[in-house]
PDB file of all heavy atoms in Angstrom:
ATOM      1  N   TRP A   1      -5.424 -45.548 -64.841  1.00  0.00           N
ATOM      2  CA  TRP A   1      -5.943 -44.234 -64.472  1.00  0.00           C
ATOM      3  C   TRP A   1      -4.870 -43.208 -64.823  1.00  0.00           C
ATOM      4  O   TRP A   1      -3.734 -43.312 -64.358  1.00  0.00           O
ATOM      5  CB  TRP A   1      -6.269 -44.163 -62.983  1.00  0.00           C
ATOM      6  CG  TRP A   1      -7.494 -44.921 -62.600  1.00  0.00           C
ATOM      7  CD1 TRP A   1      -7.561 -46.170 -62.057  1.00  0.00           C
ATOM      8  CD2 TRP A   1      -8.844 -44.465 -62.722  1.00  0.00           C
ATOM      9  NE1 TRP A   1      -8.861 -46.519 -61.845  1.00  0.00           N
ATOM     10  CE2 TRP A   1      -9.673 -45.496 -62.243  1.00  0.00           C
ATOM     11  CE3 TRP A   1      -9.440 -43.297 -63.190  1.00  0.00           C
ATOM     12  CZ2 TRP A   1     -11.074 -45.387 -62.217  1.00  0.00           C
ATOM     13  CZ3 TRP A   1     -10.816 -43.183 -63.172  1.00  0.00           C
ATOM     14  CH2 TRP A   1     -11.621 -44.221 -62.680  1.00  0.00           C
ATOM     15  N   VAL A   2      -5.258 -42.257 -65.624  1.00  0.00           N
ATOM     16  CA  VAL A   2      -4.356 -41.217 -66.100  1.00  0.00           C
ATOM     17  C   VAL A   2      -4.928 -39.870 -65.681  1.00  0.00           C
ATOM     18  O   VAL A   2      -6.121 -39.640 -65.846  1.00  0.00           O
ATOM     19  CB  VAL A   2      -4.206 -41.275 -67.633  1.00  0.00           C
ATOM     20  CG1 VAL A   2      -3.288 -40.148 -68.131  1.00  0.00           C
ATOM     21  CG2 VAL A   2      -3.681 -42.628 -68.073  1.00  0.00           C
ATOM     22  N   ARG A   3      -4.081 -39.002 -65.144  1.00  0.00           N
ATOM     23  CA  ARG A   3      -4.584 -37.693 -64.735  1.00  0.00           C
ATOM     24  C   ARG A   3      -3.867 -36.581 -65.495  1.00  0.00           C
ATOM     25  O   ARG A   3      -2.745 -36.750 -65.971  1.00  0.00           O
ATOM     26  CB  ARG A   3      -4.414 -37.484 -63.234  1.00  0.00           C
ATOM     27  CG  ARG A   3      -2.983 -37.319 -62.750  1.00  0.00           C
ATOM     28  CD  ARG A   3      -2.953 -37.245 -61.222  1.00  0.00           C
ATOM     29  NE  ARG A   3      -1.589 -37.088 -60.710  1.00  0.00           N
ATOM     30  CZ  ARG A   3      -1.278 -37.137 -59.418  1.00  0.00           C
ATOM     31  NH1 ARG A   3      -2.234 -37.344 -58.511  1.00  0.00           N
ATOM     32  NH2 ARG A   3      -0.025 -36.970 -59.029  1.00  0.00           N
ATOM     33  N   GLN A   4      -4.559 -35.475 -65.579  1.00  0.00           N
ATOM     34  CA  GLN A   4      -3.965 -34.296 -66.201  1.00  0.00           C
ATOM     35  C   GLN A   4      -4.390 -33.054 -65.433  1.00  0.00           C
ATOM     36  O   GLN A   4      -5.582 -32.756 -65.329  1.00  0.00           O
ATOM     37  CB  GLN A   4      -4.352 -34.160 -67.672  1.00  0.00           C
ATOM     38  CG  GLN A   4      -3.617 -33.024 -68.368  1.00  0.00           C
ATOM     39  CD  GLN A   4      -3.673 -33.115 -69.870  1.00  0.00           C
ATOM     40  OE1 GLN A   4      -4.609 -33.654 -70.449  1.00  0.00           O
ATOM     41  NE2 GLN A   4      -2.639 -32.594 -70.533  1.00  0.00           N
ATOM     42  N   ALA A   5      -3.409 -32.374 -64.889  1.00  0.00           N
ATOM     43  CA  ALA A   5      -3.633 -31.111 -64.192  1.00  0.00           C
ATOM     44  C   ALA A   5      -3.420 -29.962 -65.173  1.00  0.00           C
ATOM     45  O   ALA A   5      -2.699 -30.115 -66.163  1.00  0.00           O
ATOM     46  CB  ALA A   5      -2.693 -30.999 -63.010  1.00  0.00           C
ATOM     47  N   PRO A   6      -4.017 -28.811 -64.906  1.00  0.00           N
ATOM     48  CA  PRO A   6      -3.857 -27.666 -65.818  1.00  0.00           C
ATOM     49  C   PRO A   6      -2.386 -27.316 -66.018  1.00  0.00           C
ATOM     50  O   PRO A   6      -1.631 -27.198 -65.060  1.00  0.00           O
ATOM     51  CB  PRO A   6      -4.595 -26.538 -65.085  1.00  0.00           C
ATOM     52  CG  PRO A   6      -5.607 -27.235 -64.249  1.00  0.00           C
ATOM     53  CD  PRO A   6      -4.942 -28.511 -63.806  1.00  0.00           C
ATOM     54  N   GLY A   7      -2.003 -27.202 -67.270  1.00  0.00           N
ATOM     55  CA  GLY A   7      -0.640 -26.823 -67.595  1.00  0.00           C
ATOM     56  C   GLY A   7       0.387 -27.926 -67.454  1.00  0.00           C
ATOM     57  O   GLY A   7       1.580 -27.684 -67.630  1.00  0.00           O
ATOM     58  N   LYS A   8      -0.067 -29.136 -67.151  1.00  0.00           N
ATOM     59  CA  LYS A   8       0.862 -30.246 -66.970  1.00  0.00           C
ATOM     60  C   LYS A   8       0.570 -31.352 -67.967  1.00  0.00           C
ATOM     61  O   LYS A   8      -0.524 -31.440 -68.523  1.00  0.00           O
ATOM     62  CB  LYS A   8       0.787 -30.783 -65.539  1.00  0.00           C
ATOM     63  CG  LYS A   8       1.247 -29.794 -64.485  1.00  0.00           C
ATOM     64  CD  LYS A   8       1.322 -30.449 -63.114  1.00  0.00           C
ATOM     65  CE  LYS A   8       1.865 -29.488 -62.072  1.00  0.00           C
ATOM     66  NZ  LYS A   8       1.965 -30.136 -60.729  1.00  0.00           N
ATOM     67  N   GLU A   9       1.556 -32.206 -68.176  1.00  0.00           N
ATOM     68  CA  GLU A   9       1.376 -33.339 -69.066  1.00  0.00           C
ATOM     69  C   GLU A   9       0.548 -34.437 -68.375  1.00  0.00           C
ATOM     70  O   GLU A   9       0.461 -34.498 -67.158  1.00  0.00           O
ATOM     71  CB  GLU A   9       2.730 -33.905 -69.484  1.00  0.00           C
ATOM     72  CG  GLU A   9       3.556 -32.939 -70.318  1.00  0.00           C
ATOM     73  CD  GLU A   9       4.831 -33.585 -70.826  1.00  0.00           C
ATOM     74  OE1 GLU A   9       5.133 -34.715 -70.424  1.00  0.00           O
ATOM     75  OE2 GLU A   9       5.521 -32.943 -71.638  1.00  0.00           O
ATOM     76  N   ARG A  10      -0.013 -35.286 -69.197  1.00  0.00           N
ATOM     77  CA  ARG A  10      -0.737 -36.431 -68.652  1.00  0.00           C
ATOM     78  C   ARG A  10       0.210 -37.339 -67.891  1.00  0.00           C
ATOM     79  O   ARG A  10       1.368 -37.516 -68.274  1.00  0.00           O
ATOM     80  CB  ARG A  10      -1.406 -37.217 -69.783  1.00  0.00           C
ATOM     81  CG  ARG A  10      -2.531 -36.487 -70.491  1.00  0.00           C
ATOM     82  CD  ARG A  10      -3.135 -37.348 -71.566  1.00  0.00           C
ATOM     83  NE  ARG A  10      -2.162 -37.776 -72.560  1.00  0.00           N
ATOM     84  CZ  ARG A  10      -2.425 -38.609 -73.566  1.00  0.00           C
ATOM     85  NH1 ARG A  10      -3.630 -39.107 -73.709  1.00  0.00           N
ATOM     86  NH2 ARG A  10      -1.477 -38.937 -74.418  1.00  0.00           N
ATOM     87  N   GLU A  11      -0.302 -37.934 -66.846  1.00  0.00           N
ATOM     88  CA  GLU A  11       0.501 -38.821 -66.001  1.00  0.00           C
ATOM     89  C   GLU A  11      -0.330 -40.055 -65.660  1.00  0.00           C
ATOM     90  O   GLU A  11      -1.438 -39.930 -65.137  1.00  0.00           O
ATOM     91  CB  GLU A  11       0.912 -38.105 -64.704  1.00  0.00           C
ATOM     92  CG  GLU A  11       1.615 -38.984 -63.715  1.00  0.00           C
ATOM     93  CD  GLU A  11       1.798 -38.333 -62.348  1.00  0.00           C
ATOM     94  OE1 GLU A  11       1.008 -37.437 -61.990  1.00  0.00           O
ATOM     95  OE2 GLU A  11       2.724 -38.738 -61.627  1.00  0.00           O
ATOM     96  N   THR A  12       0.222 -41.225 -65.944  1.00  0.00           N
ATOM     97  CA  THR A  12      -0.433 -42.453 -65.514  1.00  0.00           C
ATOM     98  C   THR A  12      -0.140 -42.641 -64.043  1.00  0.00           C
ATOM     99  O   THR A  12       1.008 -42.825 -63.657  1.00  0.00           O
ATOM    100  CB  THR A  12       0.063 -43.666 -66.313  1.00  0.00           C
ATOM    101  OG1 THR A  12      -0.180 -43.447 -67.705  1.00  0.00           O
ATOM    102  CG2 THR A  12      -0.661 -44.933 -65.879  1.00  0.00           C
ATOM    103  N   VAL A  13      -1.168 -42.594 -63.225  1.00  0.00           N
ATOM    104  CA  VAL A  13      -0.939 -42.723 -61.786  1.00  0.00           C
ATOM    105  C   VAL A  13      -1.023 -44.174 -61.331  1.00  0.00           C
ATOM    106  O   VAL A  13      -0.387 -44.553 -60.350  1.00  0.00           O
ATOM    107  CB  VAL A  13      -1.920 -41.856 -60.969  1.00  0.00           C
ATOM    108  CG1 VAL A  13      -1.703 -40.383 -61.263  1.00  0.00           C
ATOM    109  CG2 VAL A  13      -3.367 -42.242 -61.229  1.00  0.00           C
ATOM    110  N   ALA A  14      -1.794 -44.989 -62.028  1.00  0.00           N
ATOM    111  CA  ALA A  14      -1.926 -46.397 -61.659  1.00  0.00           C
ATOM    112  C   ALA A  14      -2.388 -47.197 -62.866  1.00  0.00           C
ATOM    113  O   ALA A  14      -3.120 -46.677 -63.714  1.00  0.00           O
ATOM    114  CB  ALA A  14      -2.912 -46.579 -60.512  1.00  0.00           C
ATOM    115  N   ALA A  15      -1.942 -48.449 -62.912  1.00  0.00           N
ATOM    116  CA  ALA A  15      -2.320 -49.304 -64.031  1.00  0.00           C
ATOM    117  C   ALA A  15      -2.306 -50.748 -63.573  1.00  0.00           C
ATOM    118  O   ALA A  15      -1.630 -51.105 -62.589  1.00  0.00           O
ATOM    119  CB  ALA A  15      -1.356 -49.108 -65.209  1.00  0.00           C
ATOM    120  N   LEU A  16      -3.053 -51.572 -64.279  1.00  0.00           N
ATOM    121  CA  LEU A  16      -2.982 -52.998 -64.008  1.00  0.00           C
ATOM    122  C   LEU A  16      -3.206 -53.781 -65.292  1.00  0.00           C
ATOM    123  O   LEU A  16      -3.744 -53.278 -66.273  1.00  0.00           O
ATOM    124  CB  LEU A  16      -3.967 -53.424 -62.919  1.00  0.00           C
ATOM    125  CG  LEU A  16      -5.424 -52.980 -62.904  1.00  0.00           C
ATOM    126  CD1 LEU A  16      -6.196 -53.433 -64.104  1.00  0.00           C
ATOM    127  CD2 LEU A  16      -6.092 -53.451 -61.635  1.00  0.00           C
ATOM    128  N   ASN A  17      -2.772 -55.031 -65.272  1.00  0.00           N
ATOM    129  CA  ASN A  17      -2.907 -55.863 -66.462  1.00  0.00           C
ATOM    130  C   ASN A  17      -4.285 -56.508 -66.481  1.00  0.00           C
ATOM    131  O   ASN A  17      -5.120 -56.272 -65.606  1.00  0.00           O
ATOM    132  CB  ASN A  17      -1.792 -56.904 -66.532  1.00  0.00           C
ATOM    133  CG  ASN A  17      -1.960 -58.019 -65.519  1.00  0.00           C
ATOM    134  OD1 ASN A  17      -2.564 -57.817 -64.457  1.00  0.00           O
ATOM    135  ND2 ASN A  17      -1.439 -59.191 -65.828  1.00  0.00           N
ATOM    136  N   TRP A  18      -4.544 -57.359 -67.466  1.00  0.00           N
ATOM    137  CA  TRP A  18      -5.881 -57.899 -67.638  1.00  0.00           C
ATOM    138  C   TRP A  18      -6.325 -58.736 -66.451  1.00  0.00           C
ATOM    139  O   TRP A  18      -7.505 -58.766 -66.104  1.00  0.00           O
ATOM    140  CB  TRP A  18      -5.967 -58.721 -68.928  1.00  0.00           C
ATOM    141  CG  TRP A  18      -5.139 -59.976 -68.903  1.00  0.00           C
ATOM    142  CD1 TRP A  18      -3.860 -60.123 -69.335  1.00  0.00           C
ATOM    143  CD2 TRP A  18      -5.538 -61.266 -68.419  1.00  0.00           C
ATOM    144  NE1 TRP A  18      -3.424 -61.403 -69.147  1.00  0.00           N
ATOM    145  CE2 TRP A  18      -4.435 -62.136 -68.590  1.00  0.00           C
ATOM    146  CE3 TRP A  18      -6.711 -61.771 -67.858  1.00  0.00           C
ATOM    147  CZ2 TRP A  18      -4.481 -63.475 -68.225  1.00  0.00           C
ATOM    148  CZ3 TRP A  18      -6.758 -63.103 -67.499  1.00  0.00           C
ATOM    149  CH2 TRP A  18      -5.639 -63.934 -67.683  1.00  0.00           C
ATOM    150  N   SER A  19      -5.386 -59.395 -65.769  1.00  0.00           N
ATOM    151  CA  SER A  19      -5.766 -60.251 -64.644  1.00  0.00           C
ATOM    152  C   SER A  19      -5.867 -59.485 -63.335  1.00  0.00           C
ATOM    153  O   SER A  19      -6.445 -59.973 -62.370  1.00  0.00           O
ATOM    154  CB  SER A  19      -4.758 -61.383 -64.490  1.00  0.00           C
ATOM    155  OG  SER A  19      -3.523 -60.868 -64.005  1.00  0.00           O
ATOM    156  N   GLY A  20      -5.269 -58.289 -63.308  1.00  0.00           N
ATOM    157  CA  GLY A  20      -5.245 -57.523 -62.070  1.00  0.00           C
ATOM    158  C   GLY A  20      -4.114 -57.923 -61.139  1.00  0.00           C
ATOM    159  O   GLY A  20      -3.947 -57.308 -60.079  1.00  0.00           O
ATOM    160  N   ARG A  21      -3.329 -58.916 -61.535  1.00  0.00           N
ATOM    161  CA  ARG A  21      -2.273 -59.385 -60.631  1.00  0.00           C
ATOM    162  C   ARG A  21      -0.981 -58.586 -60.764  1.00  0.00           C
ATOM    163  O   ARG A  21      -0.089 -58.690 -59.922  1.00  0.00           O
ATOM    164  CB  ARG A  21      -2.006 -60.863 -60.894  1.00  0.00           C
ATOM    165  CG  ARG A  21      -3.105 -61.774 -60.354  1.00  0.00           C
ATOM    166  CD  ARG A  21      -2.657 -63.230 -60.333  1.00  0.00           C
ATOM    167  NE  ARG A  21      -2.629 -63.809 -61.669  1.00  0.00           N
ATOM    168  CZ  ARG A  21      -3.658 -64.460 -62.194  1.00  0.00           C
ATOM    169  NH1 ARG A  21      -4.772 -64.595 -61.498  1.00  0.00           N
ATOM    170  NH2 ARG A  21      -3.576 -64.974 -63.395  1.00  0.00           N
ATOM    171  N   ARG A  22      -0.859 -57.829 -61.835  1.00  0.00           N
ATOM    172  CA  ARG A  22       0.314 -56.969 -62.011  1.00  0.00           C
ATOM    173  C   ARG A  22      -0.147 -55.523 -61.989  1.00  0.00           C
ATOM    174  O   ARG A  22      -1.054 -55.149 -62.742  1.00  0.00           O
ATOM    175  CB  ARG A  22       1.030 -57.289 -63.309  1.00  0.00           C
ATOM    176  CG  ARG A  22       1.579 -58.714 -63.380  1.00  0.00           C
ATOM    177  CD  ARG A  22       2.405 -58.899 -64.623  1.00  0.00           C
ATOM    178  NE  ARG A  22       3.606 -58.047 -64.578  1.00  0.00           N
ATOM    179  CZ  ARG A  22       4.294 -57.713 -65.655  1.00  0.00           C
ATOM    180  NH1 ARG A  22       3.921 -58.105 -66.854  1.00  0.00           N
ATOM    181  NH2 ARG A  22       5.374 -56.963 -65.539  1.00  0.00           N
ATOM    182  N   THR A  23       0.471 -54.729 -61.141  1.00  0.00           N
ATOM    183  CA  THR A  23       0.060 -53.341 -61.010  1.00  0.00           C
ATOM    184  C   THR A  23       1.246 -52.396 -61.081  1.00  0.00           C
ATOM    185  O   THR A  23       2.403 -52.793 -60.851  1.00  0.00           O
ATOM    186  CB  THR A  23      -0.672 -53.092 -59.675  1.00  0.00           C
ATOM    187  OG1 THR A  23       0.192 -53.484 -58.594  1.00  0.00           O
ATOM    188  CG2 THR A  23      -1.963 -53.881 -59.592  1.00  0.00           C
ATOM    189  N   TYR A  24       0.944 -51.159 -61.390  1.00  0.00           N
ATOM    190  CA  TYR A  24       1.945 -50.093 -61.473  1.00  0.00           C
ATOM    191  C   TYR A  24       1.381 -48.871 -60.761  1.00  0.00           C
ATOM    192  O   TYR A  24       0.181 -48.576 -60.867  1.00  0.00           O
ATOM    193  CB  TYR A  24       2.225 -49.742 -62.935  1.00  0.00           C
ATOM    194  CG  TYR A  24       2.878 -48.385 -63.118  1.00  0.00           C
ATOM    195  CD1 TYR A  24       4.252 -48.231 -62.997  1.00  0.00           C
ATOM    196  CD2 TYR A  24       2.097 -47.251 -63.367  1.00  0.00           C
ATOM    197  CE1 TYR A  24       4.839 -46.985 -63.141  1.00  0.00           C
ATOM    198  CE2 TYR A  24       2.676 -46.003 -63.514  1.00  0.00           C
ATOM    199  CZ  TYR A  24       4.045 -45.879 -63.394  1.00  0.00           C
ATOM    200  OH  TYR A  24       4.624 -44.651 -63.528  1.00  0.00           O
ATOM    201  N   TYR A  25       2.265 -48.172 -60.038  1.00  0.00           N
ATOM    202  CA  TYR A  25       1.897 -46.911 -59.418  1.00  0.00           C
ATOM    203  C   TYR A  25       2.990 -45.883 -59.670  1.00  0.00           C
ATOM    204  O   TYR A  25       4.184 -46.198 -59.563  1.00  0.00           O
ATOM    205  CB  TYR A  25       1.697 -47.069 -57.908  1.00  0.00           C
ATOM    206  CG  TYR A  25       0.538 -47.951 -57.544  1.00  0.00           C
ATOM    207  CD1 TYR A  25       0.707 -49.297 -57.258  1.00  0.00           C
ATOM    208  CD2 TYR A  25      -0.756 -47.422 -57.504  1.00  0.00           C
ATOM    209  CE1 TYR A  25      -0.377 -50.104 -56.943  1.00  0.00           C
ATOM    210  CE2 TYR A  25      -1.837 -48.221 -57.183  1.00  0.00           C
ATOM    211  CZ  TYR A  25      -1.640 -49.565 -56.909  1.00  0.00           C
ATOM    212  OH  TYR A  25      -2.720 -50.351 -56.598  1.00  0.00           O
ATOM    213  N   ALA A  26       2.584 -44.677 -59.975  1.00  0.00           N
ATOM    214  CA  ALA A  26       3.547 -43.591 -60.060  1.00  0.00           C
ATOM    215  C   ALA A  26       4.118 -43.324 -58.671  1.00  0.00           C
ATOM    216  O   ALA A  26       3.429 -43.527 -57.661  1.00  0.00           O
ATOM    217  CB  ALA A  26       2.869 -42.340 -60.606  1.00  0.00           C
ATOM    218  N   ASP A  27       5.346 -42.868 -58.627  1.00  0.00           N
ATOM    219  CA  ASP A  27       5.979 -42.572 -57.336  1.00  0.00           C
ATOM    220  C   ASP A  27       5.150 -41.582 -56.524  1.00  0.00           C
ATOM    221  O   ASP A  27       5.108 -41.661 -55.295  1.00  0.00           O
ATOM    222  CB  ASP A  27       7.378 -42.004 -57.565  1.00  0.00           C
ATOM    223  CG  ASP A  27       8.349 -43.045 -58.079  1.00  0.00           C
ATOM    224  OD1 ASP A  27       8.065 -44.257 -57.965  1.00  0.00           O
ATOM    225  OD2 ASP A  27       9.407 -42.661 -58.599  1.00  0.00           O
ATOM    226  N   SER A  28       4.505 -40.673 -57.215  1.00  0.00           N
ATOM    227  CA  SER A  28       3.762 -39.606 -56.541  1.00  0.00           C
ATOM    228  C   SER A  28       2.542 -40.119 -55.773  1.00  0.00           C
ATOM    229  O   SER A  28       2.024 -39.428 -54.890  1.00  0.00           O
ATOM    230  CB  SER A  28       3.316 -38.557 -57.562  1.00  0.00           C
ATOM    231  OG  SER A  28       2.548 -39.145 -58.593  1.00  0.00           O
ATOM    232  N   VAL A  29       2.071 -41.331 -56.093  1.00  0.00           N
ATOM    233  CA  VAL A  29       0.867 -41.850 -55.427  1.00  0.00           C
ATOM    234  C   VAL A  29       1.125 -43.180 -54.729  1.00  0.00           C
ATOM    235  O   VAL A  29       0.220 -43.706 -54.059  1.00  0.00           O
ATOM    236  CB  VAL A  29      -0.295 -42.012 -56.422  1.00  0.00           C
ATOM    237  CG1 VAL A  29      -0.549 -40.708 -57.165  1.00  0.00           C
ATOM    238  CG2 VAL A  29      -0.055 -43.159 -57.403  1.00  0.00           C
ATOM    239  N   GLN A  30       2.312 -43.736 -54.880  1.00  0.00           N
ATOM    240  CA  GLN A  30       2.642 -45.016 -54.262  1.00  0.00           C
ATOM    241  C   GLN A  30       2.346 -44.983 -52.775  1.00  0.00           C
ATOM    242  O   GLN A  30       2.738 -44.065 -52.063  1.00  0.00           O
ATOM    243  CB  GLN A  30       4.123 -45.329 -54.502  1.00  0.00           C
ATOM    244  CG  GLN A  30       4.590 -46.636 -53.911  1.00  0.00           C
ATOM    245  CD  GLN A  30       4.103 -47.833 -54.690  1.00  0.00           C
ATOM    246  OE1 GLN A  30       4.188 -47.876 -55.910  1.00  0.00           O
ATOM    247  NE2 GLN A  30       3.566 -48.817 -53.986  1.00  0.00           N
ATOM    248  N   GLY A  31       1.627 -45.987 -52.298  1.00  0.00           N
ATOM    249  CA  GLY A  31       1.292 -46.071 -50.880  1.00  0.00           C
ATOM    250  C   GLY A  31       0.032 -45.324 -50.494  1.00  0.00           C
ATOM    251  O   GLY A  31      -0.458 -45.492 -49.372  1.00  0.00           O
ATOM    252  N   ARG A  32      -0.491 -44.521 -51.396  1.00  0.00           N
ATOM    253  CA  ARG A  32      -1.716 -43.757 -51.103  1.00  0.00           C
ATOM    254  C   ARG A  32      -2.892 -44.186 -51.970  1.00  0.00           C
ATOM    255  O   ARG A  32      -4.042 -44.168 -51.512  1.00  0.00           O
ATOM    256  CB  ARG A  32      -1.460 -42.259 -51.306  1.00  0.00           C
ATOM    257  CG  ARG A  32      -0.372 -41.682 -50.431  1.00  0.00           C
ATOM    258  CD  ARG A  32      -0.310 -40.162 -50.555  1.00  0.00           C
ATOM    259  NE  ARG A  32       0.024 -39.704 -51.897  1.00  0.00           N
ATOM    260  CZ  ARG A  32      -0.767 -38.937 -52.641  1.00  0.00           C
ATOM    261  NH1 ARG A  32      -1.943 -38.531 -52.170  1.00  0.00           N
ATOM    262  NH2 ARG A  32      -0.378 -38.545 -53.847  1.00  0.00           N
ATOM    263  N   PHE A  33      -2.627 -44.547 -53.206  1.00  0.00           N
ATOM    264  CA  PHE A  33      -3.675 -44.946 -54.151  1.00  0.00           C
ATOM    265  C   PHE A  33      -3.636 -46.454 -54.371  1.00  0.00           C
ATOM    266  O   PHE A  33      -2.566 -47.069 -54.351  1.00  0.00           O
ATOM    267  CB  PHE A  33      -3.493 -44.251 -55.490  1.00  0.00           C
ATOM    268  CG  PHE A  33      -3.747 -42.769 -55.492  1.00  0.00           C
ATOM    269  CD1 PHE A  33      -3.945 -42.048 -54.322  1.00  0.00           C
ATOM    270  CD2 PHE A  33      -3.784 -42.069 -56.697  1.00  0.00           C
ATOM    271  CE1 PHE A  33      -4.168 -40.686 -54.333  1.00  0.00           C
ATOM    272  CE2 PHE A  33      -4.011 -40.702 -56.738  1.00  0.00           C
ATOM    273  CZ  PHE A  33      -4.205 -40.016 -55.537  1.00  0.00           C
ATOM    274  N   THR A  34      -4.824 -47.026 -54.627  1.00  0.00           N
ATOM    275  CA  THR A  34      -4.915 -48.446 -54.947  1.00  0.00           C
ATOM    276  C   THR A  34      -5.829 -48.636 -56.142  1.00  0.00           C
ATOM    277  O   THR A  34      -6.976 -48.171 -56.129  1.00  0.00           O
ATOM    278  CB  THR A  34      -5.458 -49.256 -53.762  1.00  0.00           C
ATOM    279  OG1 THR A  34      -4.607 -49.065 -52.626  1.00  0.00           O
ATOM    280  CG2 THR A  34      -5.515 -50.738 -54.113  1.00  0.00           C
ATOM    281  N   ILE A  35      -5.328 -49.316 -57.154  1.00  0.00           N
ATOM    282  CA  ILE A  35      -6.128 -49.633 -58.325  1.00  0.00           C
ATOM    283  C   ILE A  35      -6.622 -51.063 -58.212  1.00  0.00           C
ATOM    284  O   ILE A  35      -5.905 -51.944 -57.718  1.00  0.00           O
ATOM    285  CB  ILE A  35      -5.314 -49.431 -59.626  1.00  0.00           C
ATOM    286  CG1 ILE A  35      -6.201 -49.574 -60.864  1.00  0.00           C
ATOM    287  CG2 ILE A  35      -4.119 -50.378 -59.697  1.00  0.00           C
ATOM    288  CD1 ILE A  35      -5.495 -49.203 -62.170  1.00  0.00           C
ATOM    289  N   SER A  36      -7.845 -51.289 -58.654  1.00  0.00           N
ATOM    290  CA  SER A  36      -8.395 -52.636 -58.622  1.00  0.00           C
ATOM    291  C   SER A  36      -9.461 -52.753 -59.703  1.00  0.00           C
ATOM    292  O   SER A  36      -9.933 -51.763 -60.242  1.00  0.00           O
ATOM    293  CB  SER A  36      -8.987 -52.966 -57.249  1.00  0.00           C
ATOM    294  OG  SER A  36     -10.060 -52.093 -56.948  1.00  0.00           O
ATOM    295  N   ARG A  37      -9.820 -53.995 -60.000  1.00  0.00           N
ATOM    296  CA  ARG A  37     -10.855 -54.232 -61.001  1.00  0.00           C
ATOM    297  C   ARG A  37     -11.790 -55.334 -60.514  1.00  0.00           C
ATOM    298  O   ARG A  37     -11.371 -56.249 -59.813  1.00  0.00           O
ATOM    299  CB  ARG A  37     -10.245 -54.602 -62.346  1.00  0.00           C
ATOM    300  CG  ARG A  37      -9.479 -55.920 -62.371  1.00  0.00           C
ATOM    301  CD  ARG A  37      -8.700 -56.083 -63.690  1.00  0.00           C
ATOM    302  NE  ARG A  37      -9.587 -56.058 -64.836  1.00  0.00           N
ATOM    303  CZ  ARG A  37      -9.184 -55.804 -66.083  1.00  0.00           C
ATOM    304  NH1 ARG A  37      -7.903 -55.553 -66.323  1.00  0.00           N
ATOM    305  NH2 ARG A  37     -10.032 -55.808 -67.077  1.00  0.00           N
ATOM    306  N   ASP A  38     -13.045 -55.217 -60.900  1.00  0.00           N
ATOM    307  CA  ASP A  38     -14.038 -56.241 -60.625  1.00  0.00           C
ATOM    308  C   ASP A  38     -14.630 -56.624 -61.973  1.00  0.00           C
ATOM    309  O   ASP A  38     -15.510 -55.931 -62.500  1.00  0.00           O
ATOM    310  CB  ASP A  38     -15.115 -55.700 -59.675  1.00  0.00           C
ATOM    311  CG  ASP A  38     -16.121 -56.765 -59.262  1.00  0.00           C
ATOM    312  OD1 ASP A  38     -16.254 -57.763 -59.995  1.00  0.00           O
ATOM    313  OD2 ASP A  38     -16.769 -56.588 -58.225  1.00  0.00           O
ATOM    314  N   ASP A  39     -14.139 -57.708 -62.556  1.00  0.00           N
ATOM    315  CA  ASP A  39     -14.580 -58.090 -63.886  1.00  0.00           C
ATOM    316  C   ASP A  39     -16.034 -58.535 -63.902  1.00  0.00           C
ATOM    317  O   ASP A  39     -16.708 -58.435 -64.932  1.00  0.00           O
ATOM    318  CB  ASP A  39     -13.678 -59.187 -64.449  1.00  0.00           C
ATOM    319  CG  ASP A  39     -12.286 -58.665 -64.782  1.00  0.00           C
ATOM    320  OD1 ASP A  39     -12.111 -57.431 -64.876  1.00  0.00           O
ATOM    321  OD2 ASP A  39     -11.362 -59.487 -64.945  1.00  0.00           O
ATOM    322  N   ALA A  40     -16.546 -59.028 -62.787  1.00  0.00           N
ATOM    323  CA  ALA A  40     -17.956 -59.429 -62.728  1.00  0.00           C
ATOM    324  C   ALA A  40     -18.861 -58.207 -62.881  1.00  0.00           C
ATOM    325  O   ALA A  40     -19.993 -58.320 -63.361  1.00  0.00           O
ATOM    326  CB  ALA A  40     -18.250 -60.135 -61.420  1.00  0.00           C
ATOM    327  N   LYS A  41     -18.354 -57.048 -62.466  1.00  0.00           N
ATOM    328  CA  LYS A  41     -19.125 -55.811 -62.570  1.00  0.00           C
ATOM    329  C   LYS A  41     -18.633 -54.918 -63.705  1.00  0.00           C
ATOM    330  O   LYS A  41     -19.124 -53.803 -63.880  1.00  0.00           O
ATOM    331  CB  LYS A  41     -19.057 -55.035 -61.252  1.00  0.00           C
ATOM    332  CG  LYS A  41     -19.683 -55.760 -60.080  1.00  0.00           C
ATOM    333  CD  LYS A  41     -19.605 -54.914 -58.815  1.00  0.00           C
ATOM    334  CE  LYS A  41     -20.274 -55.630 -57.644  1.00  0.00           C
ATOM    335  NZ  LYS A  41     -20.208 -54.819 -56.392  1.00  0.00           N
ATOM    336  N   ASN A  42     -17.643 -55.395 -64.460  1.00  0.00           N
ATOM    337  CA  ASN A  42     -17.062 -54.580 -65.536  1.00  0.00           C
ATOM    338  C   ASN A  42     -16.665 -53.190 -65.030  1.00  0.00           C
ATOM    339  O   ASN A  42     -16.956 -52.163 -65.662  1.00  0.00           O
ATOM    340  CB  ASN A  42     -18.051 -54.429 -66.699  1.00  0.00           C
ATOM    341  CG  ASN A  42     -18.046 -55.622 -67.625  1.00  0.00           C
ATOM    342  OD1 ASN A  42     -17.443 -56.652 -67.324  1.00  0.00           O
ATOM    343  ND2 ASN A  42     -18.723 -55.513 -68.750  1.00  0.00           N
ATOM    344  N   THR A  43     -15.998 -53.150 -63.901  1.00  0.00           N
ATOM    345  CA  THR A  43     -15.683 -51.876 -63.276  1.00  0.00           C
ATOM    346  C   THR A  43     -14.239 -51.829 -62.803  1.00  0.00           C
ATOM    347  O   THR A  43     -13.725 -52.802 -62.245  1.00  0.00           O
ATOM    348  CB  THR A  43     -16.619 -51.588 -62.096  1.00  0.00           C
ATOM    349  OG1 THR A  43     -17.980 -51.619 -62.550  1.00  0.00           O
ATOM    350  CG2 THR A  43     -16.347 -50.224 -61.497  1.00  0.00           C
ATOM    351  N   LEU A  44     -13.615 -50.682 -63.030  1.00  0.00           N
ATOM    352  CA  LEU A  44     -12.274 -50.388 -62.551  1.00  0.00           C
ATOM    353  C   LEU A  44     -12.396 -49.346 -61.438  1.00  0.00           C
ATOM    354  O   LEU A  44     -13.247 -48.456 -61.520  1.00  0.00           O
ATOM    355  CB  LEU A  44     -11.424 -49.824 -63.696  1.00  0.00           C
ATOM    356  CG  LEU A  44      -9.993 -49.412 -63.377  1.00  0.00           C
ATOM    357  CD1 LEU A  44      -9.115 -50.650 -63.206  1.00  0.00           C
ATOM    358  CD2 LEU A  44      -9.436 -48.515 -64.476  1.00  0.00           C
TER     359      LEU A  44
END
């Protein structure tokens, strides 16, 4: 998930690998946002 606010650069706020077992969070959202995937539903 990448966000872009007006006048600011793009920022990856959260990411995960193909299995979902490895995740990344930007410091700005750590502890507040959660990324997940459901491959059975093809949905992030």
